[in-house]
Amino acid sequence: MFPVNIIHYIFLFLSGLVTGGIIGRVVRRYCSGKPQGSSSSACNKRFFLAGTLFSLFTGVFPGVKGAGVKGDRGIKAVFGRKILPGLVSAVLFLLSFYYLGFSAHFFKYVVIFNLLLLVSCIDLEVGLIPNRFVLIIFIWVLLWQLFYPGLSPLSALLGFIVGAGLFFIIVLLSRGGMGGGDVKLMAVLGLAAGWPDVLIVMVLAFVLGAVTGAGLLISRKKTRRDALAFAPFLMLAFILVSFWGREIWQWYLVSM
């Protein structure tokens, strides 16, 4: 007999794989429904940035081939579009259960995390953040705040205003480097994180983005003129703050 916890983790891992598969289908359907000539026509040309990680695996095991695909580029596409979302979603399910258990907050955050994963995949694929999915996250967070609040109304409101306001200023200063979708997504994450955690989300997102961008420039995967999808960094920063926000604040205060 397996321990009950092991069964829970197996069930959650499989749930994450299924959820990630659904996310992948939604991403492909969203891209295929875009008219040719728009920014979404890149769906057939771009691959998930994280798919390049598969190059490390194929470099160590050069005999590995993807069924029905040709060459390393095809393998990256299969990994990035079909396998990676499921693995990431499974990790999100497991982390949520480990830190939150089967509580109300587990269901709240596992939905937020997977919706952010969906938005991030689309941003990586076509370079935009769809309003419809940001609106769904906003409604989900708002309903929880109204009927099962984890934050004070003032904290949630300040998080929303600061997230939207600061990002709006950054978008104006970036002169096209960031878009309105980033502002809307940051506002929603500010509502979910509250004040002052919204500041940590923003700082972490920019640090993660800067480090990744520098690595891509050094490796010549990107140039200074290439855009870098920012939704994945917002997602990762929000996840880190959701689980370890208090520890991050304590580390910051001690280091000061």
Protein backbone atom coordinates (compact mmCIF):
# COMPACT_ATOMS: atom_id res chain seq x y z
CA MET A 1 0.00 0.00 0.00
CA PHE A 2 1.26 3.45 -0.92
CA PRO A 3 1.13 6.16 1.75
CA VAL A 4 -1.79 8.53 1.31
CA ASN A 5 0.51 11.50 0.64
CA ILE A 6 2.23 9.63 -2.20
CA ILE A 7 -1.15 8.94 -3.80
CA HIS A 8 -2.03 12.62 -3.47
CA TYR A 9 1.19 13.69 -5.15
CA ILE A 10 0.74 11.20 -8.00
CA PHE A 11 -2.83 12.37 -8.54
CA LEU A 12 -1.77 16.03 -8.53
CA PHE A 13 1.13 15.36 -10.88
CA LEU A 14 -1.21 13.68 -13.35
CA SER A 15 -3.73 16.51 -12.92
CA GLY A 16 -0.99 18.97 -13.80
CA LEU A 17 -0.05 17.01 -16.90
CA VAL A 18 -3.68 17.01 -18.06
CA THR A 19 -4.07 20.72 -17.29
CA GLY A 20 -0.87 21.51 -19.15
CA GLY A 21 -2.12 19.53 -22.13
CA ILE A 22 -5.29 21.61 -22.14
CA ILE A 23 -3.22 24.79 -21.92
CA GLY A 24 -1.16 23.67 -24.91
CA ARG A 25 -4.31 23.03 -26.94
CA VAL A 26 -5.74 26.43 -26.03
CA VAL A 27 -2.49 28.13 -27.06
CA ARG A 28 -2.39 26.34 -30.42
CA ARG A 29 -6.06 27.06 -31.06
CA TYR A 30 -5.64 30.71 -30.11
CA CYS A 31 -2.71 31.04 -32.51
CA SER A 32 -4.37 29.20 -35.38
CA GLY A 33 -7.44 31.43 -35.09
CA LYS A 34 -5.44 34.58 -35.74
CA PRO A 35 -5.55 36.10 -39.25
CA GLN A 36 -2.46 35.89 -41.39
CA GLY A 37 -0.40 39.05 -41.45
CA SER A 38 -0.99 39.85 -37.77
CA SER A 39 1.62 39.37 -35.08
CA SER A 40 0.07 35.98 -34.43
CA SER A 41 1.15 34.66 -37.81
CA ALA A 42 4.40 34.01 -35.98
CA CYS A 43 2.72 30.98 -34.42
CA ASN A 44 4.04 28.85 -37.23
CA LYS A 45 7.53 30.31 -37.00
CA ARG A 46 8.35 30.78 -33.33
CA PHE A 47 9.01 28.20 -30.67
CA PHE A 48 8.82 28.47 -26.92
CA LEU A 49 11.98 30.01 -25.54
CA ALA A 50 12.19 27.26 -22.94
CA GLY A 51 12.29 24.70 -25.74
CA THR A 52 15.94 25.58 -26.19
CA LEU A 53 16.59 23.80 -22.90
CA PHE A 54 15.89 20.59 -24.76
CA SER A 55 19.05 21.21 -26.76
CA LEU A 56 21.04 20.36 -23.62
CA PHE A 57 19.31 16.98 -23.42
CA THR A 58 19.73 16.19 -27.11
CA GLY A 59 23.36 17.28 -26.87
CA VAL A 60 24.03 14.72 -24.15
CA PHE A 61 21.84 12.07 -25.81
CA PRO A 62 22.17 12.78 -29.54
CA GLY A 63 20.27 9.62 -30.44
CA VAL A 64 17.01 10.98 -29.02
CA LYS A 65 14.54 11.83 -31.79
CA GLY A 66 10.99 13.11 -31.72
CA ALA A 67 8.36 11.02 -33.39
CA GLY A 68 6.99 12.68 -36.48
CA VAL A 69 9.34 15.66 -36.34
CA LYS A 70 12.45 16.43 -38.29
CA GLY A 71 15.61 17.78 -36.75
CA ASP A 72 16.41 19.58 -33.54
CA ARG A 73 14.05 22.44 -34.30
CA GLY A 74 11.09 20.09 -34.56
CA ILE A 75 12.03 18.42 -31.29
CA LYS A 76 12.17 21.81 -29.57
CA ALA A 77 8.72 22.64 -30.91
CA VAL A 78 7.22 19.40 -29.57
CA PHE A 79 8.93 19.87 -26.22
CA GLY A 80 7.98 23.53 -25.89
CA ARG A 81 4.39 23.29 -27.10
CA LYS A 82 3.25 19.89 -25.86
CA ILE A 83 5.50 18.59 -23.08
CA LEU A 84 6.75 21.63 -21.20
CA PRO A 85 3.33 23.15 -20.27
CA GLY A 86 2.31 19.85 -18.70
CA LEU A 87 5.53 19.56 -16.70
CA VAL A 88 5.30 23.16 -15.47
CA SER A 89 1.64 22.75 -14.54
CA ALA A 90 2.44 19.52 -12.67
CA VAL A 91 5.13 21.33 -10.66
CA LEU A 92 2.66 24.12 -9.87
CA PHE A 93 0.10 21.60 -8.61
CA LEU A 94 2.69 19.88 -6.43
CA LEU A 95 4.09 23.13 -4.99
CA SER A 96 0.61 24.43 -4.23
CA PHE A 97 -0.30 21.25 -2.40
CA TYR A 98 3.00 21.12 -0.52
CA TYR A 99 2.65 24.66 0.85
CA LEU A 100 -1.14 25.03 1.03
CA GLY A 101 -2.52 21.51 1.36
CA PHE A 102 -6.04 20.78 0.15
CA SER A 103 -7.29 24.14 1.35
CA ALA A 104 -9.35 26.90 -0.20
CA HIS A 105 -6.16 28.76 -0.99
CA PHE A 106 -4.88 25.74 -2.90
CA PHE A 107 -7.77 26.00 -5.37
CA LYS A 108 -7.42 29.77 -5.55
CA TYR A 109 -3.74 29.79 -6.38
CA VAL A 110 -3.53 26.69 -8.56
CA VAL A 111 -6.08 28.29 -10.90
CA ILE A 112 -4.20 31.62 -10.90
CA PHE A 113 -0.88 29.90 -11.56
CA ASN A 114 -2.21 27.87 -14.48
CA LEU A 115 -3.97 30.86 -16.03
CA LEU A 116 -0.67 32.74 -15.76
CA LEU A 117 1.01 29.79 -17.43
CA LEU A 118 -1.49 30.03 -20.28
CA VAL A 119 -0.89 33.78 -20.67
CA SER A 120 2.88 33.26 -20.53
CA CYS A 121 2.78 30.58 -23.22
CA ILE A 122 0.81 32.85 -25.53
CA ASP A 123 3.15 35.77 -24.84
CA LEU A 124 6.15 33.58 -25.65
CA GLU A 125 4.49 32.31 -28.79
CA VAL A 126 3.10 35.47 -30.35
CA GLY A 127 4.38 38.35 -28.23
CA LEU A 128 1.07 39.54 -26.80
CA ILE A 129 -1.04 39.15 -23.66
CA PRO A 130 -4.71 38.53 -24.54
CA ASN A 131 -7.21 40.72 -22.69
CA ARG A 132 -9.72 37.88 -22.35
CA PHE A 133 -7.41 35.74 -20.22
CA VAL A 134 -6.26 38.68 -18.10
CA LEU A 135 -9.94 39.47 -17.51
CA ILE A 136 -10.58 35.88 -16.39
CA ILE A 137 -7.72 36.12 -13.87
CA PHE A 138 -9.06 39.48 -12.66
CA ILE A 139 -12.58 38.10 -12.13
CA TRP A 140 -11.23 35.03 -10.32
CA VAL A 141 -9.03 37.10 -7.99
CA LEU A 142 -11.79 39.67 -7.38
CA LEU A 143 -14.34 36.99 -6.44
CA TRP A 144 -11.95 35.52 -3.91
CA GLN A 145 -11.18 38.95 -2.51
CA LEU A 146 -14.90 39.70 -2.12
CA PHE A 147 -16.09 36.41 -0.65
CA TYR A 148 -12.98 34.77 0.86
CA PRO A 149 -10.44 37.58 1.32
CA GLY A 150 -6.84 36.76 2.02
CA LEU A 151 -5.88 40.44 2.08
CA SER A 152 -7.36 43.55 3.58
CA PRO A 153 -9.37 45.66 1.10
CA LEU A 154 -6.81 48.48 1.41
CA SER A 155 -3.88 46.16 0.73
CA ALA A 156 -5.55 44.68 -2.36
CA LEU A 157 -6.57 48.12 -3.66
CA LEU A 158 -3.09 49.58 -3.14
CA GLY A 159 -1.54 46.57 -4.85
CA PHE A 160 -3.83 47.06 -7.85
CA ILE A 161 -3.18 50.81 -8.10
CA VAL A 162 0.59 50.61 -7.57
CA GLY A 163 0.96 47.70 -9.98
CA ALA A 164 -0.98 49.45 -12.72
CA GLY A 165 0.45 52.93 -12.06
CA LEU A 166 4.13 52.06 -11.90
CA PHE A 167 3.93 49.74 -14.89
CA PHE A 168 2.08 52.39 -16.90
CA ILE A 169 4.94 54.81 -16.24
CA ILE A 170 7.47 52.13 -17.20
CA VAL A 171 5.62 51.46 -20.46
CA LEU A 172 5.70 55.16 -21.31
CA LEU A 173 9.43 55.35 -20.58
CA SER A 174 10.22 52.13 -22.47
CA ARG A 175 8.87 53.63 -25.74
CA GLY A 176 7.40 50.42 -27.07
CA GLY A 177 9.58 48.01 -25.12
CA MET A 178 6.54 46.94 -23.11
CA GLY A 179 2.83 47.03 -23.90
CA GLY A 180 -0.57 47.60 -22.39
CA GLY A 181 -1.00 43.89 -21.74
CA ASP A 182 1.89 43.99 -19.27
CA VAL A 183 0.20 46.89 -17.44
CA LYS A 184 -3.12 45.05 -17.15
CA LEU A 185 -1.49 41.82 -16.03
CA MET A 186 0.62 43.61 -13.42
CA ALA A 187 -2.48 45.39 -12.11
CA VAL A 188 -4.26 42.05 -11.63
CA LEU A 189 -1.20 40.53 -9.94
CA GLY A 190 -1.04 43.57 -7.70
CA LEU A 191 -4.63 42.93 -6.69
CA ALA A 192 -3.73 39.32 -5.88
CA ALA A 193 -0.43 40.04 -4.11
CA GLY A 194 -1.50 43.20 -2.29
CA TRP A 195 0.66 45.91 -0.77
CA PRO A 196 3.63 45.79 -0.26
CA ASP A 197 4.22 42.41 -1.91
CA VAL A 198 3.39 43.95 -5.30
CA LEU A 199 6.74 45.74 -5.10
CA ILE A 200 8.59 42.43 -4.67
CA VAL A 201 6.75 40.96 -7.65
CA MET A 202 7.81 43.88 -9.82
CA VAL A 203 11.44 43.90 -8.69
CA LEU A 204 11.81 40.13 -9.06
CA ALA A 205 10.21 40.18 -12.51
CA PHE A 206 12.64 42.83 -13.74
CA VAL A 207 15.64 41.07 -12.19
CA LEU A 208 14.65 37.75 -13.77
CA GLY A 209 14.02 39.45 -17.09
CA ALA A 210 17.32 41.31 -17.00
CA VAL A 211 19.33 38.18 -16.16
CA THR A 212 17.58 36.17 -18.87
CA GLY A 213 17.97 38.95 -21.42
CA ALA A 214 21.68 39.28 -20.64
CA GLY A 215 22.13 35.54 -21.01
CA LEU A 216 20.37 35.53 -24.38
CA LEU A 217 22.48 38.45 -25.59
CA ILE A 218 25.72 36.81 -24.48
CA SER A 219 24.74 33.52 -26.12
CA ARG A 220 23.60 35.44 -29.21
CA LYS A 221 20.14 33.92 -29.08
CA LYS A 222 18.71 37.44 -29.10
CA THR A 223 19.79 40.91 -30.19
CA ARG A 224 19.07 44.26 -28.58
CA ARG A 225 16.29 44.85 -31.09
CA ASP A 226 14.47 41.59 -30.30
CA ALA A 227 11.49 41.73 -27.97
CA LEU A 228 11.45 39.59 -24.84
CA ALA A 229 8.13 38.26 -23.55
CA PHE A 230 7.64 39.61 -20.02
CA ALA A 231 4.60 37.62 -18.85
CA PRO A 232 6.71 34.54 -17.91
CA PHE A 233 8.82 36.68 -15.57
CA LEU A 234 5.72 38.19 -13.98
CA MET A 235 4.34 34.68 -13.50
CA LEU A 236 7.54 33.37 -11.93
CA ALA A 237 7.90 36.42 -9.68
CA PHE A 238 4.29 36.10 -8.50
CA ILE A 239 4.77 32.40 -7.73
CA LEU A 240 7.94 33.11 -5.74
CA VAL A 241 6.19 35.81 -3.73
CA SER A 242 3.10 33.65 -3.17
CA PHE A 243 5.17 30.92 -1.54
CA TRP A 244 8.15 32.78 -0.10
CA GLY A 245 7.09 36.42 0.11
CA ARG A 246 7.68 36.66 3.86
CA GLU A 247 11.12 35.09 3.60
CA ILE A 248 12.07 37.45 0.78
CA TRP A 249 11.00 40.47 2.84
CA GLN A 250 12.96 39.21 5.87
CA TRP A 251 16.07 38.66 3.73
CA TYR A 252 15.73 42.17 2.27
CA LEU A 253 15.29 43.84 5.66
CA VAL A 254 18.25 41.95 7.17
CA SER A 255 20.48 42.72 4.19
CA MET A 256 19.65 46.42 4.53
